[in-house]
Amino acid sequence: MASTATNPKWRKKVNITYEEYFNPPWFIPHKGIVKIAKELEKELGKEKAHQIVSRCADELATSNMSAREGPPKEIMEAWRKLIEPTSPIFAHALETEFIDDTPHTVKMRVKECLWAESFREMGAADIGFLWECKTDYAAATAFHPKLKLWRDKTLMQGDDCCEFCWTWEEDDK
């Protein structure tokens, strides 16, 4: 299937090693994940298949995040740096803007996303949501249990953007 990606930066070539090619990061969408998920749907039904895909994706997201210790300000600064799309993959796959950044809150809008484009092009936005988007909640909690994500829109689900709001949840006393 030829890509119909609209953003020209999504067509730029990327140099990766053979090792990276054969062992890509879990968040790189590929037809294999979609194929396996579709086969699971046929065998187990959509609901059970999606539970399995979701559980696996959450476990991968959690294992890739290392828990942080420290005061809220340091945790939020570390989170902000982590979600800044500076790596070549993220810088070319996302169009983002930070719309609020305080010691206890980070809000970000994603205006374009190659993950959403790719899974939607494969007719698998539902699987892409489980594999890519839903895992953001598990990643935030794994980073720090008091870091909470709120999001009600995703490009993967057909919205005009993704809007993220991460907040530091204080203990009620």
N, C-alpha and C. Protein backbone atom coordinates (compact mmCIF):
# COMPACT_ATOMS: atom_id res chain seq x y z
N MET A 1 0.84 -1.16 0.00
CA MET A 1 0.00 0.00 0.00
C MET A 1 0.90 1.24 0.00
N ALA A 2 0.75 2.06 -0.98
CA ALA A 2 1.53 3.29 -1.06
C ALA A 2 0.96 4.32 -0.09
N SER A 3 1.86 5.07 0.53
CA SER A 3 1.43 6.06 1.51
C SER A 3 0.74 7.23 0.82
N THR A 4 -0.31 7.70 1.44
CA THR A 4 -1.00 8.89 0.95
C THR A 4 -0.76 10.06 1.92
N ALA A 5 0.31 9.95 2.72
CA ALA A 5 0.61 10.97 3.72
C ALA A 5 0.68 12.35 3.07
N THR A 6 0.09 13.31 3.75
CA THR A 6 0.01 14.65 3.19
C THR A 6 1.16 15.55 3.62
N ASN A 7 1.73 15.32 4.77
CA ASN A 7 2.81 16.16 5.27
C ASN A 7 4.12 15.78 4.58
N PRO A 8 4.78 16.70 3.89
CA PRO A 8 6.01 16.35 3.16
C PRO A 8 7.12 15.80 4.06
N LYS A 9 7.19 16.22 5.31
CA LYS A 9 8.26 15.71 6.17
C LYS A 9 8.06 14.23 6.48
N TRP A 10 6.84 13.71 6.30
CA TRP A 10 6.59 12.30 6.53
C TRP A 10 7.19 11.43 5.43
N ARG A 11 7.57 12.04 4.33
CA ARG A 11 8.15 11.28 3.22
C ARG A 11 9.68 11.31 3.23
N LYS A 12 10.27 12.01 4.21
CA LYS A 12 11.73 12.06 4.31
C LYS A 12 12.26 10.68 4.66
N LYS A 13 13.42 10.36 4.14
CA LYS A 13 14.06 9.09 4.43
C LYS A 13 14.72 9.17 5.80
N VAL A 14 14.75 8.04 6.48
CA VAL A 14 15.38 7.96 7.79
C VAL A 14 16.40 6.83 7.74
N ASN A 15 17.55 7.09 8.28
CA ASN A 15 18.59 6.07 8.33
C ASN A 15 18.48 5.33 9.65
N ILE A 16 18.30 4.01 9.55
CA ILE A 16 18.29 3.19 10.75
C ILE A 16 19.23 2.01 10.52
N THR A 17 19.66 1.43 11.62
CA THR A 17 20.54 0.27 11.52
C THR A 17 19.69 -0.97 11.19
N TYR A 18 20.35 -2.02 10.76
CA TYR A 18 19.64 -3.27 10.54
C TYR A 18 19.03 -3.78 11.85
N GLU A 19 19.76 -3.59 12.94
CA GLU A 19 19.25 -4.01 14.23
C GLU A 19 17.95 -3.26 14.57
N GLU A 20 17.92 -1.95 14.32
CA GLU A 20 16.71 -1.18 14.57
C GLU A 20 15.58 -1.60 13.63
N TYR A 21 15.92 -1.95 12.41
CA TYR A 21 14.93 -2.39 11.45
C TYR A 21 14.25 -3.70 11.92
N PHE A 22 15.06 -4.63 12.43
CA PHE A 22 14.52 -5.92 12.85
C PHE A 22 13.97 -5.90 14.27
N ASN A 23 14.31 -4.89 15.04
CA ASN A 23 13.81 -4.77 16.41
C ASN A 23 13.36 -3.32 16.63
N PRO A 24 12.30 -2.90 15.91
CA PRO A 24 11.87 -1.50 16.01
C PRO A 24 11.25 -1.21 17.37
N PRO A 25 11.24 0.07 17.75
CA PRO A 25 10.53 0.44 18.98
C PRO A 25 9.07 0.01 18.86
N TRP A 26 8.46 -0.35 19.97
CA TRP A 26 7.09 -0.86 19.95
C TRP A 26 6.11 0.15 19.37
N PHE A 27 6.42 1.43 19.42
CA PHE A 27 5.46 2.44 18.99
C PHE A 27 5.48 2.70 17.49
N ILE A 28 6.34 2.02 16.75
CA ILE A 28 6.34 2.21 15.30
C ILE A 28 5.22 1.34 14.71
N PRO A 29 4.23 1.97 14.08
CA PRO A 29 3.12 1.18 13.55
C PRO A 29 3.58 0.35 12.35
N HIS A 30 3.08 -0.83 12.30
CA HIS A 30 3.36 -1.63 11.12
C HIS A 30 2.21 -2.58 10.86
N LYS A 31 2.19 -3.08 9.67
CA LYS A 31 1.09 -3.92 9.23
C LYS A 31 0.99 -5.21 10.02
N GLY A 32 2.10 -5.67 10.61
CA GLY A 32 2.09 -6.90 11.39
C GLY A 32 1.19 -6.81 12.61
N ILE A 33 1.24 -5.70 13.32
CA ILE A 33 0.38 -5.51 14.49
C ILE A 33 -1.09 -5.54 14.07
N VAL A 34 -1.39 -4.85 12.99
CA VAL A 34 -2.77 -4.81 12.50
C VAL A 34 -3.21 -6.20 12.06
N LYS A 35 -2.37 -6.91 11.35
CA LYS A 35 -2.71 -8.26 10.88
C LYS A 35 -2.98 -9.20 12.05
N ILE A 36 -2.11 -9.17 13.05
CA ILE A 36 -2.31 -10.04 14.22
C ILE A 36 -3.61 -9.67 14.93
N ALA A 37 -3.85 -8.38 15.11
CA ALA A 37 -5.07 -7.95 15.79
C ALA A 37 -6.32 -8.38 15.01
N LYS A 38 -6.29 -8.25 13.70
CA LYS A 38 -7.45 -8.65 12.88
C LYS A 38 -7.68 -10.16 12.97
N GLU A 39 -6.61 -10.94 13.00
CA GLU A 39 -6.74 -12.40 13.15
C GLU A 39 -7.30 -12.75 14.52
N LEU A 40 -6.84 -12.05 15.56
CA LEU A 40 -7.39 -12.26 16.90
C LEU A 40 -8.88 -11.93 16.93
N GLU A 41 -9.27 -10.87 16.22
CA GLU A 41 -10.69 -10.51 16.15
C GLU A 41 -11.51 -11.66 15.55
N LYS A 42 -10.99 -12.28 14.48
CA LYS A 42 -11.71 -13.38 13.83
C LYS A 42 -11.84 -14.58 14.77
N GLU A 43 -10.78 -14.87 15.51
CA GLU A 43 -10.75 -16.05 16.38
C GLU A 43 -11.48 -15.84 17.71
N LEU A 44 -11.34 -14.66 18.29
CA LEU A 44 -11.82 -14.43 19.65
C LEU A 44 -12.98 -13.45 19.75
N GLY A 45 -13.25 -12.76 18.66
CA GLY A 45 -14.22 -11.67 18.71
C GLY A 45 -13.47 -10.36 18.95
N LYS A 46 -14.10 -9.30 18.49
CA LYS A 46 -13.43 -7.99 18.55
C LYS A 46 -13.14 -7.54 19.98
N GLU A 47 -14.10 -7.70 20.87
CA GLU A 47 -13.91 -7.23 22.25
C GLU A 47 -12.73 -7.92 22.93
N LYS A 48 -12.69 -9.23 22.87
CA LYS A 48 -11.59 -9.99 23.51
C LYS A 48 -10.26 -9.68 22.84
N ALA A 49 -10.25 -9.61 21.52
CA ALA A 49 -9.02 -9.30 20.79
C ALA A 49 -8.48 -7.94 21.20
N HIS A 50 -9.38 -6.97 21.30
CA HIS A 50 -8.95 -5.61 21.66
C HIS A 50 -8.48 -5.54 23.11
N GLN A 51 -9.06 -6.35 23.98
CA GLN A 51 -8.57 -6.42 25.36
C GLN A 51 -7.12 -6.91 25.38
N ILE A 52 -6.82 -7.91 24.58
CA ILE A 52 -5.46 -8.47 24.53
C ILE A 52 -4.49 -7.44 23.95
N VAL A 53 -4.85 -6.82 22.84
CA VAL A 53 -3.99 -5.81 22.21
C VAL A 53 -3.75 -4.66 23.19
N SER A 54 -4.79 -4.20 23.83
CA SER A 54 -4.69 -3.10 24.77
C SER A 54 -3.78 -3.45 25.94
N ARG A 55 -3.97 -4.64 26.50
CA ARG A 55 -3.14 -5.08 27.63
C ARG A 55 -1.66 -5.16 27.23
N CYS A 56 -1.38 -5.73 26.07
CA CYS A 56 0.01 -5.85 25.60
C CYS A 56 0.63 -4.47 25.38
N ALA A 57 -0.13 -3.58 24.75
CA ALA A 57 0.37 -2.23 24.48
C ALA A 57 0.63 -1.48 25.78
N ASP A 58 -0.28 -1.58 26.75
CA ASP A 58 -0.08 -0.92 28.04
C ASP A 58 1.15 -1.47 28.76
N GLU A 59 1.34 -2.78 28.71
CA GLU A 59 2.52 -3.39 29.35
C GLU A 59 3.81 -2.89 28.70
N LEU A 60 3.81 -2.78 27.38
CA LEU A 60 4.99 -2.26 26.69
C LEU A 60 5.25 -0.80 27.06
N ALA A 61 4.20 0.00 27.08
CA ALA A 61 4.36 1.42 27.44
C ALA A 61 4.87 1.57 28.86
N THR A 62 4.34 0.77 29.75
CA THR A 62 4.77 0.82 31.15
C THR A 62 6.22 0.40 31.30
N SER A 63 6.60 -0.67 30.62
CA SER A 63 7.99 -1.15 30.75
C SER A 63 9.00 -0.19 30.14
N ASN A 64 8.57 0.64 29.21
CA ASN A 64 9.49 1.61 28.60
C ASN A 64 9.60 2.90 29.40
N MET A 65 8.85 3.02 30.46
CA MET A 65 8.87 4.23 31.29
C MET A 65 9.54 3.88 32.60
N SER A 66 10.46 4.70 33.04
CA SER A 66 11.06 4.44 34.35
C SER A 66 10.46 5.41 35.36
N ALA A 67 10.05 4.87 36.49
CA ALA A 67 9.44 5.70 37.53
C ALA A 67 10.42 6.75 38.02
N ARG A 68 9.92 7.92 38.26
CA ARG A 68 10.74 9.04 38.71
C ARG A 68 10.38 9.38 40.15
N GLU A 69 11.35 9.90 40.86
CA GLU A 69 11.15 10.37 42.23
C GLU A 69 11.48 11.85 42.26
N GLY A 70 10.89 12.55 43.20
CA GLY A 70 11.22 13.95 43.37
C GLY A 70 9.99 14.80 43.56
N PRO A 71 10.21 16.09 43.79
CA PRO A 71 9.07 16.99 43.97
C PRO A 71 8.34 17.22 42.64
N PRO A 72 7.08 17.66 42.72
CA PRO A 72 6.26 17.84 41.50
C PRO A 72 6.94 18.67 40.43
N LYS A 73 7.58 19.76 40.82
CA LYS A 73 8.20 20.64 39.82
C LYS A 73 9.25 19.88 39.00
N GLU A 74 10.08 19.10 39.65
CA GLU A 74 11.12 18.34 38.93
C GLU A 74 10.51 17.23 38.07
N ILE A 75 9.48 16.58 38.60
CA ILE A 75 8.81 15.52 37.83
C ILE A 75 8.18 16.12 36.58
N MET A 76 7.48 17.23 36.73
CA MET A 76 6.81 17.85 35.58
C MET A 76 7.83 18.38 34.57
N GLU A 77 8.96 18.90 35.02
CA GLU A 77 10.01 19.35 34.10
C GLU A 77 10.57 18.16 33.32
N ALA A 78 10.80 17.05 34.01
CA ALA A 78 11.31 15.84 33.35
C ALA A 78 10.29 15.31 32.34
N TRP A 79 9.01 15.33 32.71
CA TRP A 79 7.95 14.88 31.79
C TRP A 79 7.89 15.77 30.56
N ARG A 80 7.96 17.08 30.79
CA ARG A 80 7.92 18.05 29.68
C ARG A 80 9.05 17.77 28.69
N LYS A 81 10.24 17.51 29.20
CA LYS A 81 11.38 17.20 28.32
C LYS A 81 11.16 15.89 27.57
N LEU A 82 10.56 14.93 28.26
CA LEU A 82 10.34 13.63 27.63
C LEU A 82 9.34 13.71 26.48
N ILE A 83 8.30 14.52 26.64
CA ILE A 83 7.26 14.58 25.60
C ILE A 83 7.56 15.59 24.51
N GLU A 84 8.60 16.39 24.69
CA GLU A 84 9.02 17.34 23.65
C GLU A 84 9.47 16.52 22.44
N PRO A 85 8.87 16.73 21.27
CA PRO A 85 9.23 15.90 20.10
C PRO A 85 10.58 16.32 19.49
N THR A 86 11.66 15.90 20.15
CA THR A 86 12.99 16.29 19.68
C THR A 86 13.72 15.16 18.96
N SER A 87 13.37 13.91 19.22
CA SER A 87 14.05 12.83 18.52
C SER A 87 13.65 12.89 17.05
N PRO A 88 14.49 12.41 16.16
CA PRO A 88 14.14 12.48 14.73
C PRO A 88 12.78 11.85 14.40
N ILE A 89 12.46 10.73 14.99
CA ILE A 89 11.18 10.09 14.69
C ILE A 89 10.03 10.98 15.15
N PHE A 90 10.06 11.41 16.40
CA PHE A 90 8.95 12.22 16.92
C PHE A 90 8.88 13.59 16.26
N ALA A 91 10.04 14.19 16.00
CA ALA A 91 10.04 15.52 15.37
C ALA A 91 9.44 15.48 13.98
N HIS A 92 9.60 14.37 13.29
CA HIS A 92 9.05 14.27 11.93
C HIS A 92 7.66 13.65 11.90
N ALA A 93 7.25 12.98 12.95
CA ALA A 93 5.96 12.30 12.94
C ALA A 93 4.83 13.10 13.57
N LEU A 94 5.18 14.17 14.28
CA LEU A 94 4.17 14.95 14.99
C LEU A 94 4.30 16.44 14.70
N GLU A 95 3.16 17.11 14.67
CA GLU A 95 3.11 18.58 14.68
C GLU A 95 2.44 18.94 15.99
N THR A 96 3.21 19.51 16.91
CA THR A 96 2.68 19.78 18.25
C THR A 96 2.84 21.24 18.63
N GLU A 97 2.08 21.62 19.64
CA GLU A 97 2.28 22.92 20.28
C GLU A 97 1.90 22.79 21.75
N PHE A 98 2.71 23.41 22.59
CA PHE A 98 2.39 23.44 24.01
C PHE A 98 1.48 24.65 24.24
N ILE A 99 0.37 24.41 24.90
CA ILE A 99 -0.59 25.49 25.10
C ILE A 99 -0.68 25.93 26.56
N ASP A 100 -0.05 25.19 27.45
CA ASP A 100 0.02 25.57 28.85
C ASP A 100 1.15 24.78 29.48
N ASP A 101 1.94 25.44 30.28
CA ASP A 101 3.07 24.78 30.90
C ASP A 101 3.33 25.47 32.24
N THR A 102 2.88 24.82 33.31
CA THR A 102 3.06 25.36 34.65
C THR A 102 3.74 24.29 35.49
N PRO A 103 4.13 24.61 36.71
CA PRO A 103 4.77 23.59 37.54
C PRO A 103 3.92 22.34 37.80
N HIS A 104 2.59 22.44 37.69
CA HIS A 104 1.73 21.29 37.97
C HIS A 104 0.90 20.83 36.77
N THR A 105 1.01 21.49 35.64
CA THR A 105 0.19 21.16 34.47
C THR A 105 0.98 21.37 33.17
N VAL A 106 0.83 20.43 32.27
CA VAL A 106 1.37 20.58 30.91
C VAL A 106 0.24 20.25 29.95
N LYS A 107 -0.07 21.19 29.07
CA LYS A 107 -1.10 20.95 28.04
C LYS A 107 -0.43 21.04 26.68
N MET A 108 -0.76 20.07 25.84
CA MET A 108 -0.16 20.01 24.51
C MET A 108 -1.25 19.64 23.51
N ARG A 109 -1.14 20.23 22.33
CA ARG A 109 -2.04 19.91 21.23
C ARG A 109 -1.20 19.28 20.12
N VAL A 110 -1.69 18.17 19.59
CA VAL A 110 -1.06 17.53 18.45
C VAL A 110 -1.97 17.81 17.25
N LYS A 111 -1.41 18.51 16.26
CA LYS A 111 -2.21 18.92 15.10
C LYS A 111 -2.10 17.93 13.95
N GLU A 112 -0.97 17.24 13.88
CA GLU A 112 -0.78 16.20 12.86
C GLU A 112 0.00 15.06 13.50
N CYS A 113 -0.32 13.84 13.09
CA CYS A 113 0.31 12.66 13.68
C CYS A 113 0.43 11.56 12.62
N LEU A 114 1.65 11.15 12.37
CA LEU A 114 1.87 10.11 11.38
C LEU A 114 1.36 8.75 11.87
N TRP A 115 1.34 8.52 13.17
CA TRP A 115 0.77 7.27 13.69
C TRP A 115 -0.71 7.21 13.34
N ALA A 116 -1.43 8.29 13.58
CA ALA A 116 -2.86 8.32 13.25
C ALA A 116 -3.06 8.14 11.75
N GLU A 117 -2.28 8.85 10.98
CA GLU A 117 -2.37 8.76 9.52
C GLU A 117 -2.13 7.32 9.06
N SER A 118 -1.11 6.67 9.62
CA SER A 118 -0.74 5.31 9.19
C SER A 118 -1.81 4.29 9.55
N PHE A 119 -2.26 4.29 10.79
CA PHE A 119 -3.28 3.32 11.19
C PHE A 119 -4.61 3.57 10.48
N ARG A 120 -4.96 4.83 10.31
CA ARG A 120 -6.21 5.13 9.61
C ARG A 120 -6.12 4.69 8.15
N GLU A 121 -4.96 4.88 7.54
CA GLU A 121 -4.76 4.45 6.16
C GLU A 121 -4.90 2.93 6.03
N MET A 122 -4.52 2.20 7.08
CA MET A 122 -4.66 0.74 7.08
C MET A 122 -6.08 0.31 7.44
N GLY A 123 -6.97 1.26 7.70
CA GLY A 123 -8.33 0.92 8.11
C GLY A 123 -8.36 0.33 9.51
N ALA A 124 -7.43 0.75 10.35
CA ALA A 124 -7.29 0.15 11.67
C ALA A 124 -7.12 1.21 12.76
N ALA A 125 -7.89 2.28 12.66
CA ALA A 125 -7.79 3.34 13.67
C ALA A 125 -8.13 2.81 15.06
N ASP A 126 -9.06 1.86 15.15
CA ASP A 126 -9.42 1.30 16.45
C ASP A 126 -8.23 0.57 17.08
N ILE A 127 -7.50 -0.16 16.27
CA ILE A 127 -6.30 -0.86 16.75
C ILE A 127 -5.20 0.16 17.05
N GLY A 128 -5.06 1.14 16.20
CA GLY A 128 -4.07 2.20 16.44
C GLY A 128 -4.34 2.94 17.73
N PHE A 129 -5.60 3.19 18.04
CA PHE A 129 -5.94 3.84 19.29
C PHE A 129 -5.45 3.01 20.48
N LEU A 130 -5.71 1.71 20.43
CA LEU A 130 -5.28 0.83 21.53
C LEU A 130 -3.76 0.74 21.61
N TRP A 131 -3.11 0.66 20.45
CA TRP A 131 -1.67 0.44 20.39
C TRP A 131 -0.88 1.71 20.68
N GLU A 132 -1.40 2.85 20.28
CA GLU A 132 -0.64 4.11 20.39
C GLU A 132 -1.22 5.10 21.39
N CYS A 133 -2.50 5.35 21.32
CA CYS A 133 -3.10 6.46 22.07
C CYS A 133 -3.46 6.09 23.50
N LYS A 134 -4.13 4.99 23.68
CA LYS A 134 -4.56 4.58 25.01
C LYS A 134 -3.37 4.38 25.93
N THR A 135 -2.25 3.99 25.39
CA THR A 135 -1.04 3.73 26.20
C THR A 135 -0.49 4.98 26.86
N ASP A 136 -0.90 6.16 26.39
CA ASP A 136 -0.41 7.39 27.00
C ASP A 136 -0.79 7.46 28.48
N TYR A 137 -1.92 6.90 28.84
CA TYR A 137 -2.34 6.88 30.24
C TYR A 137 -1.41 5.99 31.08
N ALA A 138 -1.11 4.80 30.57
CA ALA A 138 -0.23 3.89 31.28
C ALA A 138 1.18 4.48 31.40
N ALA A 139 1.64 5.13 30.35
CA ALA A 139 2.98 5.73 30.38
C ALA A 139 3.08 6.83 31.43
N ALA A 140 2.06 7.66 31.51
CA ALA A 140 2.08 8.75 32.50
C ALA A 140 2.11 8.19 33.92
N THR A 141 1.27 7.22 34.20
CA THR A 141 1.23 6.62 35.53
C THR A 141 2.54 5.91 35.86
N ALA A 142 3.13 5.24 34.86
CA ALA A 142 4.41 4.56 35.10
C ALA A 142 5.54 5.56 35.35
N PHE A 143 5.47 6.72 34.71
CA PHE A 143 6.46 7.76 34.92
C PHE A 143 6.41 8.24 36.37
N HIS A 144 5.21 8.49 36.86
CA HIS A 144 4.99 8.80 38.27
C HIS A 144 3.51 8.60 38.58
N PRO A 145 3.20 7.91 39.68
CA PRO A 145 1.80 7.62 40.00
C PRO A 145 0.92 8.86 40.19
N LYS A 146 1.52 9.99 40.50
CA LYS A 146 0.72 11.21 40.68
C LYS A 146 0.56 12.02 39.40
N LEU A 147 1.19 11.56 38.32
CA LEU A 147 1.04 12.23 37.03
C LEU A 147 -0.19 11.64 36.34
N LYS A 148 -1.16 12.48 36.08
CA LYS A 148 -2.43 12.03 35.49
C LYS A 148 -2.64 12.70 34.13
N LEU A 149 -3.19 11.94 33.22
CA LEU A 149 -3.49 12.44 31.88
C LEU A 149 -5.00 12.59 31.73
N TRP A 150 -5.39 13.68 31.11
CA TRP A 150 -6.76 13.90 30.69
C TRP A 150 -6.72 14.20 29.20
N ARG A 151 -7.55 13.52 28.43
CA ARG A 151 -7.61 13.77 26.98
C ARG A 151 -8.98 13.33 26.49
N ASP A 152 -9.62 14.18 25.68
CA ASP A 152 -10.92 13.79 25.16
C ASP A 152 -10.98 13.81 23.63
N LYS A 153 -9.87 14.14 22.99
CA LYS A 153 -9.85 14.17 21.52
C LYS A 153 -8.56 13.53 21.03
N THR A 154 -8.69 12.73 19.96
CA THR A 154 -7.50 12.19 19.30
C THR A 154 -7.70 12.22 17.79
N LEU A 155 -6.63 12.46 17.09
CA LEU A 155 -6.64 12.38 15.64
C LEU A 155 -6.97 10.95 15.20
N MET A 156 -6.48 9.98 15.95
CA MET A 156 -6.71 8.58 15.61
C MET A 156 -8.20 8.28 15.54
N GLN A 157 -8.99 8.93 16.39
CA GLN A 157 -10.43 8.69 16.42
C GLN A 157 -11.21 9.66 15.54
N GLY A 158 -10.48 10.43 14.70
CA GLY A 158 -11.13 11.29 13.73
C GLY A 158 -11.32 12.73 14.16
N ASP A 159 -10.83 13.10 15.35
CA ASP A 159 -10.94 14.48 15.79
C ASP A 159 -9.95 15.37 15.03
N ASP A 160 -10.10 16.67 15.16
CA ASP A 160 -9.24 17.62 14.43
C ASP A 160 -7.85 17.77 15.07
N CYS A 161 -7.68 17.24 16.28
CA CYS A 161 -6.39 17.29 16.97
C CYS A 161 -6.44 16.33 18.15
N CYS A 162 -5.31 16.16 18.79
CA CYS A 162 -5.25 15.49 20.09
C CYS A 162 -4.95 16.58 21.10
N GLU A 163 -5.69 16.59 22.18
CA GLU A 163 -5.41 17.56 23.23
C GLU A 163 -5.09 16.80 24.51
N PHE A 164 -3.88 17.02 24.98
CA PHE A 164 -3.39 16.36 26.18
C PHE A 164 -3.34 17.36 27.32
N CYS A 165 -3.67 16.90 28.51
CA CYS A 165 -3.46 17.70 29.71
C CYS A 165 -2.94 16.76 30.79
N TRP A 166 -1.66 16.93 31.15
CA TRP A 166 -1.07 16.15 32.22
C TRP A 166 -1.04 17.03 33.46
N THR A 167 -1.51 16.48 34.57
CA THR A 167 -1.50 17.24 35.81
C THR A 167 -0.87 16.42 36.92
N TRP A 168 -0.35 17.14 37.89
CA TRP A 168 0.18 16.52 39.09
C TRP A 168 -0.97 16.44 40.09
N GLU A 169 -1.31 15.23 40.49
CA GLU A 169 -2.43 15.02 41.39
C GLU A 169 -1.91 14.96 42.82
N GLU A 170 -2.24 15.97 43.60
CA GLU A 170 -1.81 16.00 45.00
C GLU A 170 -2.70 15.08 45.84
N ASP A 171 -2.13 14.63 46.95
CA ASP A 171 -2.93 13.84 47.90
C ASP A 171 -3.95 14.74 48.55
N ASP A 172 -5.16 14.23 48.72
CA ASP A 172 -6.18 14.99 49.44
C ASP A 172 -5.93 14.83 50.93
N LYS A 173 -5.87 15.94 51.63
CA LYS A 173 -5.65 15.89 53.08
C LYS A 173 -6.55 16.85 53.77
